[in-house]
Each structure stands twice: as structure tokens, then as C-alpha cells.
Amino acid sequence: MKRIERKLFQIGDEIRALQEAERLAQEELIYHQHLNDDAQRDAAVSGSPIDRADARETASDVDRFERHLGKLRTQRERLEAKRQRLLHRLGN
């Protein structure tokens, strides 16, 4: 097996792992978005300092998961581009 072919298999495995990590991060993000919606509503209705602090914390969790998901997508897209370049080289 050529070196390029081995590299393609390795990249394929890495892409699949990143896709699974993206799926899990997306599910976590949805969970945190629901918690954040509830916390923001509670903070708006009660005006309690504890509820406002909870709302800030849940909003930061949502931001953190959105950044994490964005990084995973960027990594996967880079690997997919690299795979395309290798496939092009293999075809020549």
C-alpha cells in the first residue's frame, strides 16, 4: 500500500472521530441552550441576583460549547481539504 493511501485511511479515521465529537458537542450545546433559555427567563421574571448569576453562567456555557463546536468543524474541514488534495495527487 502506498504512503498516500495509508495517509488517506488515517485522515478518514480522524474525520470520522471529529464528526462524532461534533455530534456529541452539538447535543451538549442543545442541552445547554435549553438550560440557558430557562435561566434567562427566570432571571428576567424574578430579578434575583442568584438567578442573574445563574443566567450569566449558563450563557457562558453556551458560548463555550459554540466555540468548541466551531473548532471541531474547522479541524474537520481542514482534514477534508487535505484528503481532497491527497486524492487529487493519488489520481495523477
PDB file of N, CA and C in Angstrom:
ATOM      1  N   MET A   1       0.849  -1.174   0.000  1.00  0.00           N
ATOM      2  CA  MET A   1       0.000   0.000   0.000  1.00  0.00           C
ATOM      3  C   MET A   1       0.896   1.240   0.000  1.00  0.00           C
ATOM      4  N   LYS A   2       0.540   2.181  -0.844  1.00  0.00           N
ATOM      5  CA  LYS A   2       1.326   3.411  -0.946  1.00  0.00           C
ATOM      6  C   LYS A   2       1.165   4.260   0.307  1.00  0.00           C
ATOM      7  N   ARG A   3       2.143   5.124   0.484  1.00  0.00           N
ATOM      8  CA  ARG A   3       2.124   6.038   1.634  1.00  0.00           C
ATOM      9  C   ARG A   3       0.891   6.947   1.584  1.00  0.00           C
ATOM     10  N   ILE A   4       0.527   7.414   0.396  1.00  0.00           N
ATOM     11  CA  ILE A   4      -0.636   8.295   0.253  1.00  0.00           C
ATOM     12  C   ILE A   4      -1.908   7.556   0.670  1.00  0.00           C
ATOM     13  N   GLU A   5      -2.010   6.301   0.284  1.00  0.00           N
ATOM     14  CA  GLU A   5      -3.200   5.526   0.641  1.00  0.00           C
ATOM     15  C   GLU A   5      -3.304   5.335   2.156  1.00  0.00           C
ATOM     16  N   ARG A   6      -2.175   5.057   2.792  1.00  0.00           N
ATOM     17  CA  ARG A   6      -2.181   4.920   4.259  1.00  0.00           C
ATOM     18  C   ARG A   6      -2.599   6.223   4.915  1.00  0.00           C
ATOM     19  N   LYS A   7      -2.075   7.326   4.384  1.00  0.00           N
ATOM     20  CA  LYS A   7      -2.410   8.638   4.926  1.00  0.00           C
ATOM     21  C   LYS A   7      -3.907   8.926   4.745  1.00  0.00           C
ATOM     22  N   LEU A   8      -4.464   8.527   3.597  1.00  0.00           N
ATOM     23  CA  LEU A   8      -5.899   8.716   3.349  1.00  0.00           C
ATOM     24  C   LEU A   8      -6.745   7.943   4.359  1.00  0.00           C
ATOM     25  N   PHE A   9      -6.347   6.704   4.653  1.00  0.00           N
ATOM     26  CA  PHE A   9      -7.076   5.922   5.656  1.00  0.00           C
ATOM     27  C   PHE A   9      -7.000   6.579   7.028  1.00  0.00           C
ATOM     28  N   GLN A  10      -5.826   7.072   7.371  1.00  0.00           N
ATOM     29  CA  GLN A  10      -5.645   7.737   8.665  1.00  0.00           C
ATOM     30  C   GLN A  10      -6.506   8.997   8.737  1.00  0.00           C
ATOM     31  N   ILE A  11      -6.501   9.788   7.681  1.00  0.00           N
ATOM     32  CA  ILE A  11      -7.302  11.014   7.665  1.00  0.00           C
ATOM     33  C   ILE A  11      -8.788  10.677   7.739  1.00  0.00           C
ATOM     34  N   GLY A  12      -9.189   9.611   7.036  1.00  0.00           N
ATOM     35  CA  GLY A  12     -10.591   9.186   7.108  1.00  0.00           C
ATOM     36  C   GLY A  12     -11.007   8.840   8.518  1.00  0.00           C
ATOM     37  N   ASP A  13     -10.142   8.144   9.241  1.00  0.00           N
ATOM     38  CA  ASP A  13     -10.426   7.804  10.641  1.00  0.00           C
ATOM     39  C   ASP A  13     -10.530   9.061  11.501  1.00  0.00           C
ATOM     40  N   GLU A  14      -9.625  10.003  11.284  1.00  0.00           N
ATOM     41  CA  GLU A  14      -9.642  11.248  12.050  1.00  0.00           C
ATOM     42  C   GLU A  14     -10.906  12.054  11.751  1.00  0.00           C
ATOM     43  N   ILE A  15     -11.328  12.069  10.499  1.00  0.00           N
ATOM     44  CA  ILE A  15     -12.543  12.795  10.126  1.00  0.00           C
ATOM     45  C   ILE A  15     -13.759  12.165  10.808  1.00  0.00           C
ATOM     46  N   ARG A  16     -13.840  10.844  10.796  1.00  0.00           N
ATOM     47  CA  ARG A  16     -14.958  10.172  11.458  1.00  0.00           C
ATOM     48  C   ARG A  16     -14.977  10.465  12.959  1.00  0.00           C
ATOM     49  N   ALA A  17     -13.808  10.483  13.582  1.00  0.00           N
ATOM     50  CA  ALA A  17     -13.738  10.793  15.017  1.00  0.00           C
ATOM     51  C   ALA A  17     -14.187  12.226  15.279  1.00  0.00           C
ATOM     52  N   LEU A  18     -13.788  13.146  14.405  1.00  0.00           N
ATOM     53  CA  LEU A  18     -14.212  14.539  14.574  1.00  0.00           C
ATOM     54  C   LEU A  18     -15.713  14.697  14.335  1.00  0.00           C
ATOM     55  N   GLN A  19     -16.252  13.951  13.390  1.00  0.00           N
ATOM     56  CA  GLN A  19     -17.698  14.002  13.148  1.00  0.00           C
ATOM     57  C   GLN A  19     -18.465  13.537  14.375  1.00  0.00           C
ATOM     58  N   GLU A  20     -17.973  12.494  15.016  1.00  0.00           N
ATOM     59  CA  GLU A  20     -18.623  12.004  16.231  1.00  0.00           C
ATOM     60  C   GLU A  20     -18.488  13.026  17.361  1.00  0.00           C
ATOM     61  N   ALA A  21     -17.318  13.628  17.487  1.00  0.00           N
ATOM     62  CA  ALA A  21     -17.122  14.660  18.507  1.00  0.00           C
ATOM     63  C   ALA A  21     -18.040  15.852  18.235  1.00  0.00           C
ATOM     64  N   GLU A  22     -18.213  16.201  16.966  1.00  0.00           N
ATOM     65  CA  GLU A  22     -19.131  17.291  16.604  1.00  0.00           C
ATOM     66  C   GLU A  22     -20.562  16.942  16.989  1.00  0.00           C
ATOM     67  N   ARG A  23     -20.954  15.719  16.705  1.00  0.00           N
ATOM     68  CA  ARG A  23     -22.317  15.295  17.032  1.00  0.00           C
ATOM     69  C   ARG A  23     -22.566  15.395  18.537  1.00  0.00           C
ATOM     70  N   LEU A  24     -21.613  14.915  19.312  1.00  0.00           N
ATOM     71  CA  LEU A  24     -21.751  14.970  20.767  1.00  0.00           C
ATOM     72  C   LEU A  24     -21.758  16.409  21.275  1.00  0.00           C
ATOM     73  N   ALA A  25     -20.882  17.244  20.721  1.00  0.00           N
ATOM     74  CA  ALA A  25     -20.830  18.650  21.131  1.00  0.00           C
ATOM     75  C   ALA A  25     -22.123  19.366  20.770  1.00  0.00           C
ATOM     76  N   GLN A  26     -22.702  19.026  19.609  1.00  0.00           N
ATOM     77  CA  GLN A  26     -23.970  19.636  19.198  1.00  0.00           C
ATOM     78  C   GLN A  26     -25.077  19.263  20.171  1.00  0.00           C
ATOM     79  N   GLU A  27     -25.107  18.000  20.594  1.00  0.00           N
ATOM     80  CA  GLU A  27     -26.109  17.562  21.567  1.00  0.00           C
ATOM     81  C   GLU A  27     -25.923  18.286  22.898  1.00  0.00           C
ATOM     82  N   GLU A  28     -24.682  18.422  23.333  1.00  0.00           N
ATOM     83  CA  GLU A  28     -24.404  19.150  24.575  1.00  0.00           C
ATOM     84  C   GLU A  28     -24.820  20.616  24.448  1.00  0.00           C
ATOM     85  N   LEU A  29     -24.548  21.198  23.294  1.00  0.00           N
ATOM     86  CA  LEU A  29     -24.927  22.589  23.064  1.00  0.00           C
ATOM     87  C   LEU A  29     -26.443  22.765  23.171  1.00  0.00           C
ATOM     88  N   ILE A  30     -27.189  21.862  22.568  1.00  0.00           N
ATOM     89  CA  ILE A  30     -28.655  21.934  22.641  1.00  0.00           C
ATOM     90  C   ILE A  30     -29.113  21.869  24.099  1.00  0.00           C
ATOM     91  N   TYR A  31     -28.521  20.969  24.861  1.00  0.00           N
ATOM     92  CA  TYR A  31     -28.851  20.845  26.278  1.00  0.00           C
ATOM     93  C   TYR A  31     -28.585  22.152  27.018  1.00  0.00           C
ATOM     94  N   HIS A  32     -27.399  22.734  26.779  1.00  0.00           N
ATOM     95  CA  HIS A  32     -27.045  23.977  27.466  1.00  0.00           C
ATOM     96  C   HIS A  32     -27.895  25.162  26.983  1.00  0.00           C
ATOM     97  N   GLN A  33     -28.299  25.141  25.732  1.00  0.00           N
ATOM     98  CA  GLN A  33     -29.184  26.206  25.240  1.00  0.00           C
ATOM     99  C   GLN A  33     -30.529  26.156  25.947  1.00  0.00           C
ATOM    100  N   HIS A  34     -31.050  24.959  26.184  1.00  0.00           N
ATOM    101  CA  HIS A  34     -32.320  24.832  26.907  1.00  0.00           C
ATOM    102  C   HIS A  34     -32.174  25.327  28.344  1.00  0.00           C
ATOM    103  N   LEU A  35     -31.081  24.930  28.989  1.00  0.00           N
ATOM    104  CA  LEU A  35     -30.845  25.420  30.347  1.00  0.00           C
ATOM    105  C   LEU A  35     -30.720  26.939  30.368  1.00  0.00           C
ATOM    106  N   ASN A  36     -30.023  27.475  29.372  1.00  0.00           N
ATOM    107  CA  ASN A  36     -29.827  28.917  29.306  1.00  0.00           C
ATOM    108  C   ASN A  36     -31.162  29.641  29.084  1.00  0.00           C
ATOM    109  N   ASP A  37     -32.002  29.102  28.214  1.00  0.00           N
ATOM    110  CA  ASP A  37     -33.315  29.722  27.998  1.00  0.00           C
ATOM    111  C   ASP A  37     -34.092  29.816  29.307  1.00  0.00           C
ATOM    112  N   ASP A  38     -34.095  28.717  30.053  1.00  0.00           N
ATOM    113  CA  ASP A  38     -34.800  28.714  31.341  1.00  0.00           C
ATOM    114  C   ASP A  38     -34.177  29.694  32.323  1.00  0.00           C
ATOM    115  N   ALA A  39     -32.853  29.717  32.381  1.00  0.00           N
ATOM    116  CA  ALA A  39     -32.165  30.605  33.329  1.00  0.00           C
ATOM    117  C   ALA A  39     -32.393  32.074  32.965  1.00  0.00           C
ATOM    118  N   GLN A  40     -32.365  32.399  31.689  1.00  0.00           N
ATOM    119  CA  GLN A  40     -32.601  33.792  31.274  1.00  0.00           C
ATOM    120  C   GLN A  40     -34.028  34.213  31.616  1.00  0.00           C
ATOM    121  N   ARG A  41     -34.971  33.327  31.388  1.00  0.00           N
ATOM    122  CA  ARG A  41     -36.372  33.619  31.707  1.00  0.00           C
ATOM    123  C   ARG A  41     -36.546  33.811  33.220  1.00  0.00           C
ATOM    124  N   ASP A  42     -35.936  32.922  34.007  1.00  0.00           N
ATOM    125  CA  ASP A  42     -36.031  33.044  35.465  1.00  0.00           C
ATOM    126  C   ASP A  42     -35.421  34.353  35.951  1.00  0.00           C
ATOM    127  N   ALA A  43     -34.286  34.729  35.381  1.00  0.00           N
ATOM    128  CA  ALA A  43     -33.616  35.967  35.788  1.00  0.00           C
ATOM    129  C   ALA A  43     -34.460  37.174  35.424  1.00  0.00           C
ATOM    130  N   ALA A  44     -35.109  37.138  34.277  1.00  0.00           N
ATOM    131  CA  ALA A  44     -35.938  38.271  33.856  1.00  0.00           C
ATOM    132  C   ALA A  44     -37.185  38.397  34.722  1.00  0.00           C
ATOM    133  N   VAL A  45     -37.758  37.275  35.100  1.00  0.00           N
ATOM    134  CA  VAL A  45     -39.003  37.302  35.875  1.00  0.00           C
ATOM    135  C   VAL A  45     -38.735  37.640  37.335  1.00  0.00           C
ATOM    136  N   SER A  46     -37.740  37.003  37.929  1.00  0.00           N
ATOM    137  CA  SER A  46     -37.535  37.189  39.372  1.00  0.00           C
ATOM    138  C   SER A  46     -36.665  38.397  39.697  1.00  0.00           C
ATOM    139  N   GLY A  47     -35.679  38.658  38.842  1.00  0.00           N
ATOM    140  CA  GLY A  47     -34.756  39.752  39.130  1.00  0.00           C
ATOM    141  C   GLY A  47     -33.795  39.440  40.269  1.00  0.00           C
ATOM    142  N   SER A  48     -33.813  38.226  40.744  1.00  0.00           N
ATOM    143  CA  SER A  48     -32.971  37.814  41.860  1.00  0.00           C
ATOM    144  C   SER A  48     -31.499  37.798  41.427  1.00  0.00           C
ATOM    145  N   PRO A  49     -30.601  38.268  42.304  1.00  0.00           N
ATOM    146  CA  PRO A  49     -29.172  38.224  41.986  1.00  0.00           C
ATOM    147  C   PRO A  49     -28.671  36.798  41.730  1.00  0.00           C
ATOM    148  N   ILE A  50     -29.243  35.835  42.437  1.00  0.00           N
ATOM    149  CA  ILE A  50     -28.841  34.439  42.229  1.00  0.00           C
ATOM    150  C   ILE A  50     -29.265  33.971  40.835  1.00  0.00           C
ATOM    151  N   ASP A  51     -30.476  34.320  40.436  1.00  0.00           N
ATOM    152  CA  ASP A  51     -30.951  33.943  39.098  1.00  0.00           C
ATOM    153  C   ASP A  51     -30.151  34.644  38.008  1.00  0.00           C
ATOM    154  N   ARG A  52     -29.791  35.896  38.238  1.00  0.00           N
ATOM    155  CA  ARG A  52     -28.985  36.619  37.242  1.00  0.00           C
ATOM    156  C   ARG A  52     -27.592  35.989  37.121  1.00  0.00           C
ATOM    157  N   ALA A  53     -27.016  35.593  38.246  1.00  0.00           N
ATOM    158  CA  ALA A  53     -25.701  34.934  38.211  1.00  0.00           C
ATOM    159  C   ALA A  53     -25.801  33.596  37.479  1.00  0.00           C
ATOM    160  N   ASP A  54     -26.867  32.861  37.731  1.00  0.00           N
ATOM    161  CA  ASP A  54     -27.086  31.593  37.043  1.00  0.00           C
ATOM    162  C   ASP A  54     -27.248  31.819  35.540  1.00  0.00           C
ATOM    163  N   ALA A  55     -27.941  32.876  35.163  1.00  0.00           N
ATOM    164  CA  ALA A  55     -28.136  33.196  33.745  1.00  0.00           C
ATOM    165  C   ALA A  55     -26.804  33.524  33.071  1.00  0.00           C
ATOM    166  N   ARG A  56     -25.951  34.269  33.765  1.00  0.00           N
ATOM    167  CA  ARG A  56     -24.631  34.576  33.202  1.00  0.00           C
ATOM    168  C   ARG A  56     -23.813  33.310  33.018  1.00  0.00           C
ATOM    169  N   GLU A  57     -23.889  32.433  34.002  1.00  0.00           N
ATOM    170  CA  GLU A  57     -23.122  31.187  33.940  1.00  0.00           C
ATOM    171  C   GLU A  57     -23.604  30.290  32.802  1.00  0.00           C
ATOM    172  N   THR A  58     -24.902  30.157  32.651  1.00  0.00           N
ATOM    173  CA  THR A  58     -25.412  29.294  31.581  1.00  0.00           C
ATOM    174  C   THR A  58     -25.132  29.907  30.212  1.00  0.00           C
ATOM    175  N   ALA A  59     -25.163  31.235  30.109  1.00  0.00           N
ATOM    176  CA  ALA A  59     -24.834  31.883  28.836  1.00  0.00           C
ATOM    177  C   ALA A  59     -23.376  31.638  28.472  1.00  0.00           C
ATOM    178  N   SER A  60     -22.509  31.646  29.472  1.00  0.00           N
ATOM    179  CA  SER A  60     -21.095  31.385  29.186  1.00  0.00           C
ATOM    180  C   SER A  60     -20.879  29.919  28.777  1.00  0.00           C
ATOM    181  N   ASP A  61     -21.686  29.008  29.339  1.00  0.00           N
ATOM    182  CA  ASP A  61     -21.606  27.600  28.923  1.00  0.00           C
ATOM    183  C   ASP A  61     -21.988  27.449  27.453  1.00  0.00           C
ATOM    184  N   VAL A  62     -23.035  28.157  27.039  1.00  0.00           N
ATOM    185  CA  VAL A  62     -23.466  28.107  25.642  1.00  0.00           C
ATOM    186  C   VAL A  62     -22.360  28.650  24.743  1.00  0.00           C
ATOM    187  N   ASP A  63     -21.784  29.777  25.124  1.00  0.00           N
ATOM    188  CA  ASP A  63     -20.690  30.358  24.329  1.00  0.00           C
ATOM    189  C   ASP A  63     -19.510  29.388  24.222  1.00  0.00           C
ATOM    190  N   ARG A  64     -19.181  28.755  25.325  1.00  0.00           N
ATOM    191  CA  ARG A  64     -18.057  27.820  25.349  1.00  0.00           C
ATOM    192  C   ARG A  64     -18.305  26.644  24.407  1.00  0.00           C
ATOM    193  N   PHE A  65     -19.513  26.086  24.435  1.00  0.00           N
ATOM    194  CA  PHE A  65     -19.811  24.958  23.554  1.00  0.00           C
ATOM    195  C   PHE A  65     -19.895  25.383  22.091  1.00  0.00           C
ATOM    196  N   GLU A  66     -20.358  26.599  21.826  1.00  0.00           N
ATOM    197  CA  GLU A  66     -20.373  27.089  20.450  1.00  0.00           C
ATOM    198  C   GLU A  66     -18.954  27.239  19.912  1.00  0.00           C
ATOM    199  N   ARG A  67     -18.049  27.757  20.733  1.00  0.00           N
ATOM    200  CA  ARG A  67     -16.644  27.873  20.313  1.00  0.00           C
ATOM    201  C   ARG A  67     -16.026  26.497  20.081  1.00  0.00           C
ATOM    202  N   HIS A  68     -16.300  25.580  20.995  1.00  0.00           N
ATOM    203  CA  HIS A  68     -15.772  24.221  20.878  1.00  0.00           C
ATOM    204  C   HIS A  68     -16.272  23.561  19.590  1.00  0.00           C
ATOM    205  N   LEU A  69     -17.549  23.700  19.315  1.00  0.00           N
ATOM    206  CA  LEU A  69     -18.120  23.124  18.104  1.00  0.00           C
ATOM    207  C   LEU A  69     -17.507  23.763  16.863  1.00  0.00           C
ATOM    208  N   GLY A  70     -17.291  25.068  16.891  1.00  0.00           N
ATOM    209  CA  GLY A  70     -16.651  25.744  15.768  1.00  0.00           C
ATOM    210  C   GLY A  70     -15.236  25.244  15.518  1.00  0.00           C
ATOM    211  N   LYS A  71     -14.491  25.009  16.583  1.00  0.00           N
ATOM    212  CA  LYS A  71     -13.124  24.483  16.439  1.00  0.00           C
ATOM    213  C   LYS A  71     -13.131  23.077  15.849  1.00  0.00           C
ATOM    214  N   LEU A  72     -14.063  22.253  16.297  1.00  0.00           N
ATOM    215  CA  LEU A  72     -14.166  20.901  15.744  1.00  0.00           C
ATOM    216  C   LEU A  72     -14.490  20.941  14.260  1.00  0.00           C
ATOM    217  N   ARG A  73     -15.413  21.818  13.881  1.00  0.00           N
ATOM    218  CA  ARG A  73     -15.780  21.940  12.461  1.00  0.00           C
ATOM    219  C   ARG A  73     -14.596  22.408  11.628  1.00  0.00           C
ATOM    220  N   THR A  74     -13.853  23.370  12.153  1.00  0.00           N
ATOM    221  CA  THR A  74     -12.679  23.873  11.429  1.00  0.00           C
ATOM    222  C   THR A  74     -11.653  22.764  11.238  1.00  0.00           C
ATOM    223  N   GLN A  75     -11.402  21.985  12.284  1.00  0.00           N
ATOM    224  CA  GLN A  75     -10.453  20.873  12.178  1.00  0.00           C
ATOM    225  C   GLN A  75     -10.907  19.863  11.132  1.00  0.00           C
ATOM    226  N   ARG A  76     -12.207  19.527  11.163  1.00  0.00           N
ATOM    227  CA  ARG A  76     -12.734  18.557  10.201  1.00  0.00           C
ATOM    228  C   ARG A  76     -12.639  19.092   8.776  1.00  0.00           C
ATOM    229  N   GLU A  77     -12.976  20.356   8.584  1.00  0.00           N
ATOM    230  CA  GLU A  77     -12.908  20.944   7.246  1.00  0.00           C
ATOM    231  C   GLU A  77     -11.479  20.966   6.714  1.00  0.00           C
ATOM    232  N   ARG A  78     -10.516  21.239   7.571  1.00  0.00           N
ATOM    233  CA  ARG A  78      -9.112  21.209   7.145  1.00  0.00           C
ATOM    234  C   ARG A  78      -8.687  19.804   6.724  1.00  0.00           C
ATOM    235  N   LEU A  79      -9.105  18.820   7.507  1.00  0.00           N
ATOM    236  CA  LEU A  79      -8.771  17.440   7.151  1.00  0.00           C
ATOM    237  C   LEU A  79      -9.455  17.019   5.851  1.00  0.00           C
ATOM    238  N   GLU A  80     -10.692  17.458   5.662  1.00  0.00           N
ATOM    239  CA  GLU A  80     -11.382  17.126   4.418  1.00  0.00           C
ATOM    240  C   GLU A  80     -10.675  17.754   3.222  1.00  0.00           C
ATOM    241  N   ALA A  81     -10.185  18.971   3.371  1.00  0.00           N
ATOM    242  CA  ALA A  81      -9.438  19.622   2.290  1.00  0.00           C
ATOM    243  C   ALA A  81      -8.132  18.874   2.030  1.00  0.00           C
ATOM    244  N   LYS A  82      -7.484  18.450   3.088  1.00  0.00           N
ATOM    245  CA  LYS A  82      -6.235  17.697   2.942  1.00  0.00           C
ATOM    246  C   LYS A  82      -6.505  16.366   2.240  1.00  0.00           C
ATOM    247  N   ARG A  83      -7.613  15.729   2.609  1.00  0.00           N
ATOM    248  CA  ARG A  83      -7.983  14.474   1.957  1.00  0.00           C
ATOM    249  C   ARG A  83      -8.213  14.694   0.465  1.00  0.00           C
ATOM    250  N   GLN A  84      -8.870  15.788   0.109  1.00  0.00           N
ATOM    251  CA  GLN A  84      -9.110  16.089  -1.305  1.00  0.00           C
ATOM    252  C   GLN A  84      -7.798  16.283  -2.058  1.00  0.00           C
ATOM    253  N   ARG A  85      -6.853  16.983  -1.433  1.00  0.00           N
ATOM    254  CA  ARG A  85      -5.546  17.180  -2.078  1.00  0.00           C
ATOM    255  C   ARG A  85      -4.832  15.849  -2.296  1.00  0.00           C
ATOM    256  N   LEU A  86      -4.898  14.976  -1.288  1.00  0.00           N
ATOM    257  CA  LEU A  86      -4.263  13.670  -1.423  1.00  0.00           C
ATOM    258  C   LEU A  86      -4.948  12.814  -2.482  1.00  0.00           C
ATOM    259  N   LEU A  87      -6.263  12.883  -2.542  1.00  0.00           N
ATOM    260  CA  LEU A  87      -6.990  12.138  -3.572  1.00  0.00           C
ATOM    261  C   LEU A  87      -6.627  12.628  -4.963  1.00  0.00           C
ATOM    262  N   HIS A  88      -6.462  13.930  -5.081  1.00  0.00           N
ATOM    263  CA  HIS A  88      -6.061  14.507  -6.360  1.00  0.00           C
ATOM    264  C   HIS A  88      -4.659  14.011  -6.738  1.00  0.00           C
ATOM    265  N   ARG A  89      -3.742  14.001  -5.773  1.00  0.00           N
ATOM    266  CA  ARG A  89      -2.380  13.502  -6.033  1.00  0.00           C
ATOM    267  C   ARG A  89      -2.385  12.021  -6.391  1.00  0.00           C
ATOM    268  N   LEU A  90      -3.247  11.277  -5.728  1.00  0.00           N
ATOM    269  CA  LEU A  90      -3.333   9.844  -5.984  1.00  0.00           C
ATOM    270  C   LEU A  90      -3.865   9.579  -7.388  1.00  0.00           C
ATOM    271  N   GLY A  91      -4.775  10.435  -7.829  1.00  0.00           N
ATOM    272  CA  GLY A  91      -5.358  10.271  -9.163  1.00  0.00           C
ATOM    273  C   GLY A  91      -4.406  10.602 -10.284  1.00  0.00           C
ATOM    274  N   ASN A  92      -3.378  11.373 -10.020  1.00  0.00           N
ATOM    275  CA  ASN A  92      -2.411  11.756 -11.069  1.00  0.00           C
ATOM    276  C   ASN A  92      -1.357  10.721 -11.288  1.00  0.00           C
TER     277      ASN A  92
END
